[in-house]
Amino acid sequence: MNKSEITEIYYFILSLILLFVFILFYGFAFSLQELSLKLSYTKMSNNQSLIYFWLIFMFLITLTRQIKLKFRSYYPNLILIILGLILMFYFNIFSQNTRSYQLTIKEDTMIYKTENFTNGYIAFRFVQLLILVILTLSSINIIRRNKTHST
């Protein structure tokens, strides 16, 4: 194993330790299912909420590393892209769950109309936009690195 692979394994283990500490401190008052329901408006099982929070911790740790490295490291960029795509998928589902609908009943028909966007919907879309910017930066730097190594 080279140094970069050992470093990635170290940060992977660090994210699991942070998740475990988070579970210990938060678990005294509530369950992770309740927290994920409050934050995402989606009911999740224990395993799903563990994976969700682990993905967030792993993304934040990798993002802070990449900010320090100015997005120049290849493996963390690749990890950021993968985690960002997964989180974008999660946040897209969560934003759909936070929309508010108005039901209109007319003679023999029911019409669902979107009433408005809630604060949760706007927050999830904003987070998706931030992740999209991070994905763009990471992708550009991976493409630059591949071009410099190929020439």
N, C-alpha and C. Protein backbone atom coordinates (compact mmCIF):
# COMPACT_ATOMS: atom_id res chain seq x y z
N MET A 1 0.84 -1.19 0.00
CA MET A 1 0.00 0.00 0.00
C MET A 1 0.88 1.25 0.00
N ASN A 2 0.47 2.21 -0.78
CA ASN A 2 1.23 3.45 -0.77
C ASN A 2 0.65 4.41 0.26
N LYS A 3 1.30 5.54 0.41
CA LYS A 3 0.95 6.49 1.47
C LYS A 3 -0.46 7.05 1.30
N SER A 4 -0.88 7.33 0.08
CA SER A 4 -2.21 7.91 -0.14
C SER A 4 -3.32 6.93 0.22
N GLU A 5 -3.12 5.65 -0.06
CA GLU A 5 -4.13 4.65 0.31
C GLU A 5 -4.23 4.50 1.81
N ILE A 6 -3.10 4.53 2.51
CA ILE A 6 -3.10 4.46 3.98
C ILE A 6 -3.79 5.68 4.56
N THR A 7 -3.56 6.84 3.98
CA THR A 7 -4.21 8.07 4.44
C THR A 7 -5.72 7.98 4.26
N GLU A 8 -6.16 7.45 3.13
CA GLU A 8 -7.61 7.32 2.89
C GLU A 8 -8.24 6.34 3.89
N ILE A 9 -7.55 5.26 4.19
CA ILE A 9 -8.06 4.31 5.18
C ILE A 9 -8.13 4.97 6.56
N TYR A 10 -7.14 5.79 6.87
CA TYR A 10 -7.14 6.52 8.14
C TYR A 10 -8.37 7.43 8.25
N TYR A 11 -8.66 8.18 7.20
CA TYR A 11 -9.82 9.08 7.25
C TYR A 11 -11.14 8.32 7.21
N PHE A 12 -11.16 7.17 6.58
CA PHE A 12 -12.34 6.32 6.61
C PHE A 12 -12.62 5.87 8.04
N ILE A 13 -11.58 5.42 8.73
CA ILE A 13 -11.72 4.99 10.13
C ILE A 13 -12.08 6.18 11.02
N LEU A 14 -11.50 7.35 10.74
CA LEU A 14 -11.83 8.55 11.51
C LEU A 14 -13.31 8.91 11.37
N SER A 15 -13.86 8.78 10.18
CA SER A 15 -15.28 9.10 9.99
C SER A 15 -16.16 8.11 10.75
N LEU A 16 -15.77 6.84 10.79
CA LEU A 16 -16.53 5.86 11.57
C LEU A 16 -16.44 6.15 13.07
N ILE A 17 -15.29 6.59 13.54
CA ILE A 17 -15.13 6.96 14.96
C ILE A 17 -15.99 8.17 15.28
N LEU A 18 -15.99 9.16 14.40
CA LEU A 18 -16.85 10.34 14.62
C LEU A 18 -18.32 9.96 14.64
N LEU A 19 -18.71 9.05 13.78
CA LEU A 19 -20.10 8.57 13.77
C LEU A 19 -20.42 7.88 15.08
N PHE A 20 -19.51 7.05 15.57
CA PHE A 20 -19.71 6.35 16.83
C PHE A 20 -19.83 7.33 18.00
N VAL A 21 -18.98 8.34 18.04
CA VAL A 21 -19.05 9.36 19.10
C VAL A 21 -20.36 10.15 18.99
N PHE A 22 -20.76 10.47 17.78
CA PHE A 22 -22.02 11.17 17.57
C PHE A 22 -23.20 10.34 18.07
N ILE A 23 -23.16 9.05 17.78
CA ILE A 23 -24.22 8.15 18.24
C ILE A 23 -24.25 8.10 19.76
N LEU A 24 -23.08 8.02 20.37
CA LEU A 24 -23.04 7.97 21.84
C LEU A 24 -23.61 9.23 22.47
N PHE A 25 -23.20 10.40 21.99
CA PHE A 25 -23.67 11.64 22.59
C PHE A 25 -25.13 11.92 22.25
N TYR A 26 -25.51 11.70 21.02
CA TYR A 26 -26.89 11.97 20.64
C TYR A 26 -27.83 10.89 21.14
N GLY A 27 -27.33 9.67 21.25
CA GLY A 27 -28.16 8.54 21.67
C GLY A 27 -28.66 8.62 23.09
N PHE A 28 -28.04 9.44 23.91
CA PHE A 28 -28.51 9.58 25.29
C PHE A 28 -29.89 10.24 25.33
N ALA A 29 -30.17 11.12 24.40
CA ALA A 29 -31.44 11.84 24.43
C ALA A 29 -32.46 11.30 23.42
N PHE A 30 -32.02 11.00 22.23
CA PHE A 30 -32.92 10.60 21.16
C PHE A 30 -32.30 9.45 20.38
N SER A 31 -33.05 8.92 19.45
CA SER A 31 -32.50 7.92 18.55
C SER A 31 -32.11 8.59 17.24
N LEU A 32 -31.27 7.94 16.47
CA LEU A 32 -30.89 8.49 15.17
C LEU A 32 -32.06 8.52 14.21
N GLN A 33 -33.01 7.60 14.39
CA GLN A 33 -34.20 7.61 13.55
C GLN A 33 -34.99 8.90 13.74
N GLU A 34 -35.13 9.33 15.00
CA GLU A 34 -35.86 10.57 15.28
C GLU A 34 -35.13 11.77 14.69
N LEU A 35 -33.81 11.78 14.83
CA LEU A 35 -33.03 12.89 14.28
C LEU A 35 -33.13 12.93 12.76
N SER A 36 -33.01 11.78 12.12
CA SER A 36 -33.10 11.76 10.66
C SER A 36 -34.50 12.14 10.19
N LEU A 37 -35.52 11.79 10.97
CA LEU A 37 -36.88 12.20 10.61
C LEU A 37 -37.04 13.72 10.73
N LYS A 38 -36.46 14.30 11.78
CA LYS A 38 -36.55 15.75 11.96
C LYS A 38 -35.77 16.50 10.89
N LEU A 39 -34.62 15.96 10.51
CA LEU A 39 -33.77 16.66 9.55
C LEU A 39 -34.17 16.44 8.09
N SER A 40 -34.68 15.25 7.80
CA SER A 40 -34.93 14.93 6.39
C SER A 40 -36.40 14.74 6.05
N TYR A 41 -37.25 14.76 7.04
CA TYR A 41 -38.68 14.53 6.82
C TYR A 41 -38.95 13.17 6.19
N THR A 42 -38.04 12.23 6.41
CA THR A 42 -38.15 10.89 5.85
C THR A 42 -37.91 9.88 6.95
N LYS A 43 -38.79 8.91 7.08
CA LYS A 43 -38.62 7.87 8.08
C LYS A 43 -37.59 6.87 7.56
N MET A 44 -36.57 6.62 8.38
CA MET A 44 -35.50 5.70 8.00
C MET A 44 -35.34 4.64 9.08
N SER A 45 -34.81 3.50 8.67
CA SER A 45 -34.47 2.46 9.64
C SER A 45 -33.16 2.85 10.33
N ASN A 46 -32.78 2.08 11.34
CA ASN A 46 -31.51 2.36 12.03
C ASN A 46 -30.33 2.30 11.06
N ASN A 47 -30.30 1.29 10.23
CA ASN A 47 -29.18 1.14 9.29
C ASN A 47 -29.15 2.28 8.27
N GLN A 48 -30.31 2.67 7.78
CA GLN A 48 -30.36 3.77 6.82
C GLN A 48 -29.90 5.08 7.44
N SER A 49 -30.31 5.34 8.67
CA SER A 49 -29.89 6.58 9.32
C SER A 49 -28.40 6.55 9.64
N LEU A 50 -27.87 5.38 10.01
CA LEU A 50 -26.42 5.26 10.22
C LEU A 50 -25.65 5.56 8.95
N ILE A 51 -26.08 4.99 7.84
CA ILE A 51 -25.41 5.23 6.56
C ILE A 51 -25.53 6.69 6.16
N TYR A 52 -26.68 7.28 6.35
CA TYR A 52 -26.91 8.68 6.01
C TYR A 52 -25.95 9.59 6.78
N PHE A 53 -25.88 9.42 8.09
CA PHE A 53 -25.00 10.27 8.89
C PHE A 53 -23.52 9.97 8.61
N TRP A 54 -23.19 8.71 8.33
CA TRP A 54 -21.81 8.38 8.00
C TRP A 54 -21.40 9.04 6.68
N LEU A 55 -22.30 9.04 5.70
CA LEU A 55 -22.01 9.70 4.43
C LEU A 55 -21.77 11.19 4.63
N ILE A 56 -22.57 11.80 5.48
CA ILE A 56 -22.39 13.23 5.75
C ILE A 56 -21.06 13.49 6.44
N PHE A 57 -20.72 12.69 7.46
CA PHE A 57 -19.43 12.87 8.13
C PHE A 57 -18.27 12.65 7.17
N MET A 58 -18.35 11.61 6.38
CA MET A 58 -17.28 11.31 5.44
C MET A 58 -17.14 12.44 4.41
N PHE A 59 -18.25 12.96 3.93
CA PHE A 59 -18.21 14.07 2.97
C PHE A 59 -17.59 15.31 3.60
N LEU A 60 -17.99 15.63 4.82
CA LEU A 60 -17.45 16.83 5.48
C LEU A 60 -15.97 16.70 5.79
N ILE A 61 -15.54 15.53 6.23
CA ILE A 61 -14.11 15.32 6.50
C ILE A 61 -13.31 15.44 5.20
N THR A 62 -13.77 14.81 4.15
CA THR A 62 -13.06 14.87 2.88
C THR A 62 -13.06 16.27 2.30
N LEU A 63 -14.16 16.99 2.49
CA LEU A 63 -14.24 18.36 2.00
C LEU A 63 -13.25 19.26 2.74
N THR A 64 -13.17 19.13 4.06
CA THR A 64 -12.21 19.96 4.80
C THR A 64 -10.77 19.62 4.40
N ARG A 65 -10.50 18.34 4.15
CA ARG A 65 -9.18 17.96 3.67
C ARG A 65 -8.88 18.60 2.33
N GLN A 66 -9.84 18.55 1.45
CA GLN A 66 -9.62 19.08 0.11
C GLN A 66 -9.49 20.61 0.11
N ILE A 67 -10.19 21.26 1.01
CA ILE A 67 -10.03 22.71 1.11
C ILE A 67 -8.61 23.04 1.54
N LYS A 68 -8.08 22.29 2.51
CA LYS A 68 -6.69 22.49 2.93
C LYS A 68 -5.72 22.18 1.80
N LEU A 69 -6.02 21.15 1.01
CA LEU A 69 -5.15 20.75 -0.10
C LEU A 69 -5.45 21.53 -1.39
N LYS A 70 -6.42 22.43 -1.34
CA LYS A 70 -6.85 23.25 -2.48
C LYS A 70 -7.32 22.39 -3.65
N PHE A 71 -7.99 21.29 -3.33
CA PHE A 71 -8.58 20.37 -4.31
C PHE A 71 -7.55 19.79 -5.28
N ARG A 72 -6.32 19.59 -4.81
CA ARG A 72 -5.26 19.09 -5.69
C ARG A 72 -5.01 17.60 -5.55
N SER A 73 -5.59 16.95 -4.57
CA SER A 73 -5.33 15.53 -4.35
C SER A 73 -6.35 14.69 -5.11
N TYR A 74 -5.86 13.65 -5.78
CA TYR A 74 -6.69 12.87 -6.68
C TYR A 74 -7.73 12.01 -5.94
N TYR A 75 -7.28 11.19 -5.00
CA TYR A 75 -8.20 10.26 -4.32
C TYR A 75 -9.29 10.99 -3.53
N PRO A 76 -8.96 12.02 -2.74
CA PRO A 76 -10.05 12.73 -2.06
C PRO A 76 -11.04 13.39 -3.03
N ASN A 77 -10.53 13.87 -4.18
CA ASN A 77 -11.44 14.41 -5.19
C ASN A 77 -12.41 13.34 -5.69
N LEU A 78 -11.87 12.16 -5.94
CA LEU A 78 -12.70 11.06 -6.41
C LEU A 78 -13.73 10.67 -5.34
N ILE A 79 -13.30 10.62 -4.09
CA ILE A 79 -14.22 10.30 -2.99
C ILE A 79 -15.28 11.37 -2.85
N LEU A 80 -14.88 12.64 -2.97
CA LEU A 80 -15.87 13.73 -2.92
C LEU A 80 -16.91 13.61 -4.01
N ILE A 81 -16.50 13.25 -5.19
CA ILE A 81 -17.44 13.11 -6.30
C ILE A 81 -18.43 11.98 -6.02
N ILE A 82 -17.93 10.84 -5.57
CA ILE A 82 -18.81 9.70 -5.29
C ILE A 82 -19.79 10.03 -4.16
N LEU A 83 -19.25 10.56 -3.05
CA LEU A 83 -20.13 10.90 -1.92
C LEU A 83 -21.09 12.02 -2.28
N GLY A 84 -20.63 12.99 -3.06
CA GLY A 84 -21.49 14.08 -3.47
C GLY A 84 -22.66 13.61 -4.31
N LEU A 85 -22.40 12.69 -5.23
CA LEU A 85 -23.50 12.16 -6.05
C LEU A 85 -24.52 11.40 -5.20
N ILE A 86 -24.02 10.61 -4.25
CA ILE A 86 -24.94 9.88 -3.37
C ILE A 86 -25.76 10.84 -2.52
N LEU A 87 -25.11 11.86 -1.96
CA LEU A 87 -25.83 12.83 -1.13
C LEU A 87 -26.81 13.66 -1.96
N MET A 88 -26.45 13.97 -3.20
CA MET A 88 -27.40 14.69 -4.06
C MET A 88 -28.66 13.86 -4.27
N PHE A 89 -28.50 12.56 -4.44
CA PHE A 89 -29.64 11.66 -4.58
C PHE A 89 -30.49 11.68 -3.31
N TYR A 90 -29.85 11.55 -2.14
CA TYR A 90 -30.57 11.62 -0.87
C TYR A 90 -31.33 12.94 -0.74
N PHE A 91 -30.63 14.06 -0.97
CA PHE A 91 -31.25 15.36 -0.77
C PHE A 91 -32.35 15.63 -1.78
N ASN A 92 -32.28 15.04 -2.95
CA ASN A 92 -33.37 15.17 -3.92
C ASN A 92 -34.63 14.49 -3.39
N ILE A 93 -34.47 13.31 -2.81
CA ILE A 93 -35.61 12.61 -2.21
C ILE A 93 -36.18 13.41 -1.05
N PHE A 94 -35.28 13.92 -0.20
CA PHE A 94 -35.73 14.67 0.96
C PHE A 94 -36.46 15.96 0.56
N SER A 95 -35.97 16.62 -0.48
CA SER A 95 -36.64 17.85 -0.91
C SER A 95 -38.03 17.57 -1.45
N GLN A 96 -38.20 16.43 -2.10
CA GLN A 96 -39.54 16.06 -2.59
C GLN A 96 -40.48 15.76 -1.42
N ASN A 97 -39.94 15.23 -0.32
CA ASN A 97 -40.77 14.93 0.84
C ASN A 97 -41.17 16.17 1.62
N THR A 98 -40.50 17.28 1.42
CA THR A 98 -40.81 18.50 2.18
C THR A 98 -41.74 19.44 1.43
N ARG A 99 -42.09 19.11 0.21
CA ARG A 99 -43.01 19.98 -0.53
C ARG A 99 -44.40 19.90 0.07
N SER A 100 -45.11 20.99 -0.05
CA SER A 100 -46.46 21.08 0.48
C SER A 100 -47.44 21.06 -0.69
N TYR A 101 -48.48 20.23 -0.59
CA TYR A 101 -49.46 20.12 -1.66
C TYR A 101 -50.83 20.56 -1.19
N GLN A 102 -51.59 21.07 -2.13
CA GLN A 102 -52.96 21.48 -1.86
C GLN A 102 -53.88 20.60 -2.70
N LEU A 103 -54.88 20.04 -2.05
CA LEU A 103 -55.83 19.17 -2.73
C LEU A 103 -57.08 19.97 -3.07
N THR A 104 -57.44 19.93 -4.35
CA THR A 104 -58.65 20.60 -4.82
C THR A 104 -59.61 19.54 -5.34
N ILE A 105 -60.82 19.55 -4.82
CA ILE A 105 -61.82 18.57 -5.25
C ILE A 105 -62.89 19.30 -6.06
N LYS A 106 -63.04 18.86 -7.31
CA LYS A 106 -64.07 19.40 -8.18
C LYS A 106 -65.01 18.25 -8.50
N GLU A 107 -66.04 18.51 -9.20
CA GLU A 107 -67.03 17.49 -9.53
C GLU A 107 -66.37 16.22 -10.08
N ASP A 108 -66.29 15.19 -9.32
CA ASP A 108 -65.78 13.88 -9.69
C ASP A 108 -64.26 13.82 -9.96
N THR A 109 -63.53 14.86 -9.71
CA THR A 109 -62.08 14.80 -9.90
C THR A 109 -61.37 15.43 -8.71
N MET A 110 -60.18 14.92 -8.43
CA MET A 110 -59.32 15.52 -7.41
C MET A 110 -58.06 16.01 -8.12
N ILE A 111 -57.69 17.21 -7.83
CA ILE A 111 -56.52 17.81 -8.46
C ILE A 111 -55.52 18.18 -7.37
N TYR A 112 -54.31 17.66 -7.50
CA TYR A 112 -53.24 18.04 -6.58
C TYR A 112 -52.49 19.22 -7.18
N LYS A 113 -52.40 20.27 -6.44
CA LYS A 113 -51.66 21.43 -6.91
C LYS A 113 -50.58 21.74 -5.88
N THR A 114 -49.42 22.13 -6.37
CA THR A 114 -48.35 22.51 -5.47
C THR A 114 -48.72 23.85 -4.86
N GLU A 115 -48.76 23.87 -3.55
CA GLU A 115 -49.13 25.11 -2.85
C GLU A 115 -47.93 26.04 -2.74
N ASN A 116 -46.87 25.55 -2.13
CA ASN A 116 -45.67 26.37 -1.98
C ASN A 116 -44.49 25.48 -1.63
N PHE A 117 -43.34 26.08 -1.65
CA PHE A 117 -42.14 25.38 -1.24
C PHE A 117 -41.86 25.71 0.22
N THR A 118 -41.60 24.70 1.00
CA THR A 118 -41.34 24.91 2.42
C THR A 118 -39.88 25.30 2.63
N ASN A 119 -39.55 25.68 3.86
CA ASN A 119 -38.17 26.03 4.20
C ASN A 119 -37.25 24.83 4.01
N GLY A 120 -37.73 23.63 4.35
CA GLY A 120 -36.94 22.43 4.16
C GLY A 120 -36.60 22.19 2.71
N TYR A 121 -37.56 22.41 1.82
CA TYR A 121 -37.34 22.23 0.39
C TYR A 121 -36.26 23.18 -0.10
N ILE A 122 -36.34 24.43 0.30
CA ILE A 122 -35.35 25.43 -0.12
C ILE A 122 -33.98 25.08 0.45
N ALA A 123 -33.93 24.64 1.71
CA ALA A 123 -32.65 24.28 2.33
C ALA A 123 -32.00 23.10 1.62
N PHE A 124 -32.79 22.06 1.29
CA PHE A 124 -32.23 20.90 0.59
C PHE A 124 -31.76 21.27 -0.81
N ARG A 125 -32.46 22.12 -1.49
CA ARG A 125 -32.04 22.55 -2.83
C ARG A 125 -30.76 23.39 -2.74
N PHE A 126 -30.65 24.22 -1.70
CA PHE A 126 -29.43 25.02 -1.50
C PHE A 126 -28.23 24.11 -1.22
N VAL A 127 -28.43 23.09 -0.39
CA VAL A 127 -27.35 22.14 -0.10
C VAL A 127 -26.96 21.39 -1.36
N GLN A 128 -27.93 21.04 -2.18
CA GLN A 128 -27.63 20.38 -3.46
C GLN A 128 -26.80 21.30 -4.36
N LEU A 129 -27.11 22.58 -4.36
CA LEU A 129 -26.35 23.53 -5.16
C LEU A 129 -24.91 23.62 -4.66
N LEU A 130 -24.71 23.65 -3.34
CA LEU A 130 -23.36 23.68 -2.78
C LEU A 130 -22.58 22.42 -3.16
N ILE A 131 -23.24 21.27 -3.06
CA ILE A 131 -22.58 20.01 -3.42
C ILE A 131 -22.26 20.01 -4.91
N LEU A 132 -23.12 20.56 -5.73
CA LEU A 132 -22.86 20.63 -7.17
C LEU A 132 -21.63 21.49 -7.46
N VAL A 133 -21.46 22.58 -6.75
CA VAL A 133 -20.28 23.43 -6.91
C VAL A 133 -19.02 22.65 -6.51
N ILE A 134 -19.10 21.92 -5.40
CA ILE A 134 -17.96 21.12 -4.94
C ILE A 134 -17.65 20.01 -5.95
N LEU A 135 -18.68 19.36 -6.48
CA LEU A 135 -18.48 18.33 -7.50
C LEU A 135 -17.81 18.91 -8.74
N THR A 136 -18.20 20.11 -9.12
CA THR A 136 -17.60 20.75 -10.29
C THR A 136 -16.12 21.03 -10.05
N LEU A 137 -15.79 21.59 -8.89
CA LEU A 137 -14.39 21.85 -8.56
C LEU A 137 -13.57 20.57 -8.57
N SER A 138 -14.09 19.53 -7.95
CA SER A 138 -13.37 18.26 -7.90
C SER A 138 -13.20 17.66 -9.29
N SER A 139 -14.24 17.73 -10.10
CA SER A 139 -14.16 17.17 -11.45
C SER A 139 -13.15 17.93 -12.30
N ILE A 140 -13.15 19.23 -12.20
CA ILE A 140 -12.19 20.05 -12.97
C ILE A 140 -10.77 19.69 -12.57
N ASN A 141 -10.53 19.53 -11.29
CA ASN A 141 -9.17 19.21 -10.85
C ASN A 141 -8.75 17.80 -11.22
N ILE A 142 -9.68 16.85 -11.25
CA ILE A 142 -9.34 15.51 -11.72
C ILE A 142 -9.01 15.54 -13.21
N ILE A 143 -9.77 16.29 -13.99
CA ILE A 143 -9.50 16.39 -15.42
C ILE A 143 -8.16 17.06 -15.67
N ARG A 144 -7.86 18.12 -14.90
CA ARG A 144 -6.55 18.79 -15.03
C ARG A 144 -5.41 17.83 -14.71
N ARG A 145 -5.57 17.07 -13.66
CA ARG A 145 -4.52 16.13 -13.25
C ARG A 145 -4.32 15.06 -14.32
N ASN A 146 -5.41 14.58 -14.86
CA ASN A 146 -5.28 13.56 -15.92
C ASN A 146 -4.61 14.12 -17.16
N LYS A 147 -4.88 15.38 -17.50
CA LYS A 147 -4.26 16.00 -18.68
C LYS A 147 -2.76 16.20 -18.45
N THR A 148 -2.37 16.62 -17.24
CA THR A 148 -0.95 16.85 -16.98
C THR A 148 -0.17 15.55 -16.91
N HIS A 149 -0.78 14.48 -16.44
CA HIS A 149 -0.10 13.20 -16.37
C HIS A 149 -0.05 12.47 -17.70
N SER A 150 -0.97 12.79 -18.58
CA SER A 150 -0.99 12.12 -19.88
C SER A 150 -0.01 12.75 -20.86
N THR A 151 0.36 14.00 -20.64
CA THR A 151 1.29 14.64 -21.57
C THR A 151 2.73 14.49 -21.16
